Amino acid sequence: MSLPVLSSWEEVPLFDSEQAEAAFWADSQIELRLMEAAKAMASEQSESVTITLRMDPRMLARIKRLARERYLNYQSMIKQWLSERMEKELKDR
């Protein structure tokens, strides 16, 4: 029997307890592409460049709210989204 393969971080639910999280990960695995993107993002953090991005304040507020719901830093979540989209674009070429 094969475990379900997660292809997006959005598929990971919010957990009520460490036991629920442990049970989820015992029965799930992450797609290799997603793991590679996470590893690449971790190595890029040490070599990161600061940029300025102008954004509608309402959009930023919504992004921050989504990040809080996922217990993430909103900037990290934006970088994660960009990384996932970049991988999709490169894969679809």
N, C-alpha and C. Protein backbone atom coordinates (compact mmCIF):
# COMPACT_ATOMS: atom_id res chain seq x y z
N MET A 1 0.85 -1.19 0.00
CA MET A 1 0.00 0.00 0.00
C MET A 1 0.89 1.24 0.00
N SER A 2 0.65 2.16 -0.92
CA SER A 2 1.46 3.37 -0.99
C SER A 2 0.79 4.51 -0.23
N LEU A 3 1.63 5.36 0.31
CA LEU A 3 1.13 6.50 1.07
C LEU A 3 0.69 7.61 0.13
N PRO A 4 -0.28 8.43 0.54
CA PRO A 4 -0.66 9.58 -0.28
C PRO A 4 0.52 10.54 -0.40
N VAL A 5 0.71 11.08 -1.60
CA VAL A 5 1.83 11.98 -1.86
C VAL A 5 1.31 13.42 -1.93
N LEU A 6 1.88 14.28 -1.11
CA LEU A 6 1.49 15.69 -1.09
C LEU A 6 2.28 16.44 -2.16
N SER A 7 1.59 17.17 -3.00
CA SER A 7 2.28 17.92 -4.06
C SER A 7 2.27 19.42 -3.80
N SER A 8 1.66 19.85 -2.70
CA SER A 8 1.60 21.27 -2.35
C SER A 8 1.56 21.40 -0.83
N TRP A 9 2.18 22.44 -0.32
CA TRP A 9 2.17 22.66 1.13
C TRP A 9 0.77 22.98 1.63
N GLU A 10 -0.12 23.46 0.74
CA GLU A 10 -1.50 23.74 1.16
C GLU A 10 -2.25 22.47 1.55
N GLU A 11 -1.76 21.31 1.12
CA GLU A 11 -2.41 20.05 1.47
C GLU A 11 -2.14 19.63 2.91
N VAL A 12 -1.18 20.29 3.55
CA VAL A 12 -0.88 19.98 4.95
C VAL A 12 -1.87 20.74 5.82
N PRO A 13 -2.67 20.03 6.61
CA PRO A 13 -3.69 20.71 7.42
C PRO A 13 -3.08 21.38 8.65
N LEU A 14 -3.89 22.20 9.31
CA LEU A 14 -3.51 22.73 10.62
C LEU A 14 -3.81 21.63 11.64
N PHE A 15 -2.92 21.42 12.57
CA PHE A 15 -3.07 20.33 13.53
C PHE A 15 -3.50 20.85 14.88
N ASP A 16 -4.35 20.05 15.55
CA ASP A 16 -4.81 20.40 16.90
C ASP A 16 -3.80 20.00 17.96
N SER A 17 -2.95 19.01 17.63
CA SER A 17 -2.00 18.51 18.62
C SER A 17 -0.80 17.89 17.92
N GLU A 18 0.25 17.66 18.68
CA GLU A 18 1.43 16.99 18.13
C GLU A 18 1.09 15.57 17.72
N GLN A 19 0.18 14.93 18.45
CA GLN A 19 -0.22 13.56 18.12
C GLN A 19 -0.92 13.53 16.76
N ALA A 20 -1.77 14.51 16.49
CA ALA A 20 -2.46 14.57 15.20
C ALA A 20 -1.46 14.80 14.08
N GLU A 21 -0.48 15.65 14.34
CA GLU A 21 0.55 15.91 13.33
C GLU A 21 1.38 14.66 13.06
N ALA A 22 1.77 13.97 14.13
CA ALA A 22 2.56 12.74 13.98
C ALA A 22 1.77 11.68 13.20
N ALA A 23 0.48 11.56 13.49
CA ALA A 23 -0.35 10.59 12.78
C ALA A 23 -0.45 10.95 11.29
N PHE A 24 -0.59 12.23 10.99
CA PHE A 24 -0.67 12.67 9.60
C PHE A 24 0.61 12.31 8.84
N TRP A 25 1.77 12.66 9.42
CA TRP A 25 3.03 12.42 8.74
C TRP A 25 3.38 10.94 8.67
N ALA A 26 2.85 10.14 9.58
CA ALA A 26 3.08 8.69 9.52
C ALA A 26 2.38 8.08 8.31
N ASP A 27 1.31 8.73 7.84
CA ASP A 27 0.52 8.20 6.72
C ASP A 27 0.61 9.04 5.47
N SER A 28 1.59 9.94 5.37
CA SER A 28 1.72 10.83 4.22
C SER A 28 3.18 10.98 3.85
N GLN A 29 3.40 11.32 2.59
CA GLN A 29 4.75 11.65 2.16
C GLN A 29 4.70 12.86 1.24
N ILE A 30 5.84 13.52 1.08
CA ILE A 30 5.92 14.74 0.29
C ILE A 30 6.55 14.43 -1.05
N GLU A 31 5.98 15.01 -2.09
CA GLU A 31 6.52 14.84 -3.44
C GLU A 31 7.97 15.32 -3.48
N LEU A 32 8.81 14.60 -4.19
CA LEU A 32 10.24 14.92 -4.26
C LEU A 32 10.47 16.36 -4.74
N ARG A 33 9.71 16.82 -5.74
CA ARG A 33 9.86 18.17 -6.27
C ARG A 33 9.65 19.21 -5.18
N LEU A 34 8.67 18.97 -4.32
CA LEU A 34 8.38 19.91 -3.24
C LEU A 34 9.51 19.94 -2.22
N MET A 35 10.07 18.78 -1.93
CA MET A 35 11.20 18.71 -1.01
C MET A 35 12.42 19.40 -1.59
N GLU A 36 12.67 19.21 -2.88
CA GLU A 36 13.81 19.86 -3.54
C GLU A 36 13.64 21.38 -3.50
N ALA A 37 12.42 21.85 -3.73
CA ALA A 37 12.15 23.29 -3.70
C ALA A 37 12.38 23.84 -2.29
N ALA A 38 11.98 23.08 -1.27
CA ALA A 38 12.17 23.51 0.11
C ALA A 38 13.66 23.56 0.45
N LYS A 39 14.42 22.56 -0.02
CA LYS A 39 15.86 22.55 0.22
C LYS A 39 16.52 23.72 -0.49
N ALA A 40 16.11 23.98 -1.72
CA ALA A 40 16.68 25.09 -2.48
C ALA A 40 16.37 26.42 -1.80
N MET A 41 15.14 26.54 -1.30
CA MET A 41 14.74 27.78 -0.63
C MET A 41 15.57 27.97 0.65
N ALA A 42 15.84 26.89 1.37
CA ALA A 42 16.63 26.98 2.60
C ALA A 42 18.05 27.43 2.28
N SER A 43 18.62 26.92 1.20
CA SER A 43 19.99 27.32 0.86
C SER A 43 20.02 28.75 0.32
N GLU A 44 18.94 29.20 -0.31
CA GLU A 44 18.88 30.55 -0.83
C GLU A 44 18.72 31.58 0.28
N GLN A 45 18.18 31.17 1.42
CA GLN A 45 17.97 32.11 2.51
C GLN A 45 19.29 32.70 3.00
N SER A 46 20.35 31.91 2.96
CA SER A 46 21.63 32.43 3.41
C SER A 46 22.22 33.39 2.38
N GLU A 47 21.74 33.32 1.15
CA GLU A 47 22.23 34.18 0.09
C GLU A 47 21.13 35.10 -0.43
N SER A 48 20.22 35.47 0.45
CA SER A 48 19.06 36.24 0.00
C SER A 48 19.41 37.70 -0.29
N VAL A 49 18.59 38.29 -1.15
CA VAL A 49 18.74 39.68 -1.54
C VAL A 49 17.45 40.40 -1.15
N THR A 50 17.57 41.56 -0.59
CA THR A 50 16.40 42.35 -0.22
C THR A 50 15.87 43.09 -1.44
N ILE A 51 14.55 43.01 -1.65
CA ILE A 51 13.91 43.74 -2.74
C ILE A 51 12.77 44.57 -2.17
N THR A 52 12.28 45.49 -2.96
CA THR A 52 11.11 46.28 -2.60
C THR A 52 10.00 45.90 -3.55
N LEU A 53 8.84 45.60 -3.00
CA LEU A 53 7.69 45.20 -3.80
C LEU A 53 6.49 46.02 -3.34
N ARG A 54 5.94 46.79 -4.24
CA ARG A 54 4.76 47.58 -3.89
C ARG A 54 3.52 46.71 -4.05
N MET A 55 2.63 46.80 -3.05
CA MET A 55 1.47 45.91 -3.04
C MET A 55 0.27 46.66 -2.46
N ASP A 56 -0.88 46.34 -2.97
CA ASP A 56 -2.12 46.89 -2.44
C ASP A 56 -2.22 46.52 -0.95
N PRO A 57 -2.48 47.48 -0.06
CA PRO A 57 -2.54 47.18 1.37
C PRO A 57 -3.57 46.12 1.74
N ARG A 58 -4.70 46.10 1.00
CA ARG A 58 -5.72 45.08 1.30
C ARG A 58 -5.22 43.69 0.95
N MET A 59 -4.47 43.58 -0.17
CA MET A 59 -3.92 42.29 -0.55
C MET A 59 -2.91 41.83 0.49
N LEU A 60 -2.06 42.74 0.94
CA LEU A 60 -1.07 42.39 1.96
C LEU A 60 -1.75 41.95 3.25
N ALA A 61 -2.81 42.62 3.63
CA ALA A 61 -3.54 42.23 4.85
C ALA A 61 -4.11 40.83 4.71
N ARG A 62 -4.64 40.50 3.54
CA ARG A 62 -5.18 39.16 3.31
C ARG A 62 -4.08 38.11 3.35
N ILE A 63 -2.93 38.43 2.76
CA ILE A 63 -1.79 37.51 2.78
C ILE A 63 -1.34 37.27 4.22
N LYS A 64 -1.24 38.34 5.00
CA LYS A 64 -0.83 38.20 6.40
C LYS A 64 -1.81 37.35 7.18
N ARG A 65 -3.11 37.54 6.91
CA ARG A 65 -4.13 36.75 7.60
C ARG A 65 -3.98 35.27 7.26
N LEU A 66 -3.79 34.97 5.96
CA LEU A 66 -3.59 33.58 5.54
C LEU A 66 -2.35 32.98 6.20
N ALA A 67 -1.28 33.75 6.26
CA ALA A 67 -0.04 33.26 6.88
C ALA A 67 -0.25 32.97 8.36
N ARG A 68 -0.94 33.86 9.05
CA ARG A 68 -1.20 33.64 10.48
C ARG A 68 -2.00 32.36 10.69
N GLU A 69 -2.99 32.12 9.83
CA GLU A 69 -3.80 30.90 9.95
C GLU A 69 -2.95 29.65 9.78
N ARG A 70 -1.86 29.77 9.03
CA ARG A 70 -0.97 28.63 8.79
C ARG A 70 0.25 28.65 9.70
N TYR A 71 0.28 29.60 10.64
CA TYR A 71 1.40 29.76 11.57
C TYR A 71 2.72 29.96 10.81
N LEU A 72 2.66 30.77 9.76
CA LEU A 72 3.85 31.08 8.95
C LEU A 72 4.14 32.56 8.99
N ASN A 73 5.37 32.90 8.73
CA ASN A 73 5.76 34.28 8.50
C ASN A 73 5.25 34.64 7.10
N TYR A 74 4.62 35.79 6.94
CA TYR A 74 4.00 36.10 5.65
C TYR A 74 5.03 36.22 4.54
N GLN A 75 6.23 36.72 4.86
CA GLN A 75 7.26 36.84 3.83
C GLN A 75 7.73 35.47 3.38
N SER A 76 7.87 34.54 4.31
CA SER A 76 8.25 33.18 3.96
C SER A 76 7.18 32.52 3.11
N MET A 77 5.92 32.77 3.45
CA MET A 77 4.83 32.19 2.67
C MET A 77 4.83 32.73 1.24
N ILE A 78 5.07 34.03 1.07
CA ILE A 78 5.14 34.62 -0.27
C ILE A 78 6.28 33.98 -1.05
N LYS A 79 7.45 33.82 -0.41
CA LYS A 79 8.58 33.18 -1.10
C LYS A 79 8.25 31.74 -1.47
N GLN A 80 7.54 31.04 -0.59
CA GLN A 80 7.13 29.67 -0.87
C GLN A 80 6.21 29.63 -2.08
N TRP A 81 5.22 30.54 -2.13
CA TRP A 81 4.31 30.60 -3.26
C TRP A 81 5.06 30.88 -4.56
N LEU A 82 5.99 31.84 -4.50
CA LEU A 82 6.77 32.17 -5.69
C LEU A 82 7.60 30.98 -6.15
N SER A 83 8.18 30.28 -5.20
CA SER A 83 8.99 29.11 -5.53
C SER A 83 8.14 28.02 -6.19
N GLU A 84 6.96 27.75 -5.60
CA GLU A 84 6.07 26.74 -6.16
C GLU A 84 5.62 27.12 -7.56
N ARG A 85 5.29 28.38 -7.78
CA ARG A 85 4.83 28.83 -9.09
C ARG A 85 5.97 28.77 -10.10
N MET A 86 7.17 29.14 -9.68
CA MET A 86 8.32 29.08 -10.56
C MET A 86 8.58 27.63 -11.00
N GLU A 87 8.49 26.71 -10.06
CA GLU A 87 8.68 25.29 -10.39
C GLU A 87 7.61 24.82 -11.38
N LYS A 88 6.37 25.25 -11.18
CA LYS A 88 5.28 24.87 -12.09
C LYS A 88 5.55 25.44 -13.49
N GLU A 89 5.93 26.71 -13.57
CA GLU A 89 6.21 27.34 -14.86
C GLU A 89 7.34 26.61 -15.59
N LEU A 90 8.39 26.28 -14.86
CA LEU A 90 9.52 25.59 -15.49
C LEU A 90 9.13 24.18 -15.93
N LYS A 91 8.30 23.53 -15.13
CA LYS A 91 7.85 22.17 -15.45
C LYS A 91 6.94 22.16 -16.68
N ASP A 92 6.12 23.20 -16.84
CA ASP A 92 5.14 23.27 -17.93
C ASP A 92 5.75 23.72 -19.25
N ARG A 93 7.01 24.06 -19.28
CA ARG A 93 7.64 24.53 -20.53
C ARG A 93 7.63 23.49 -21.59
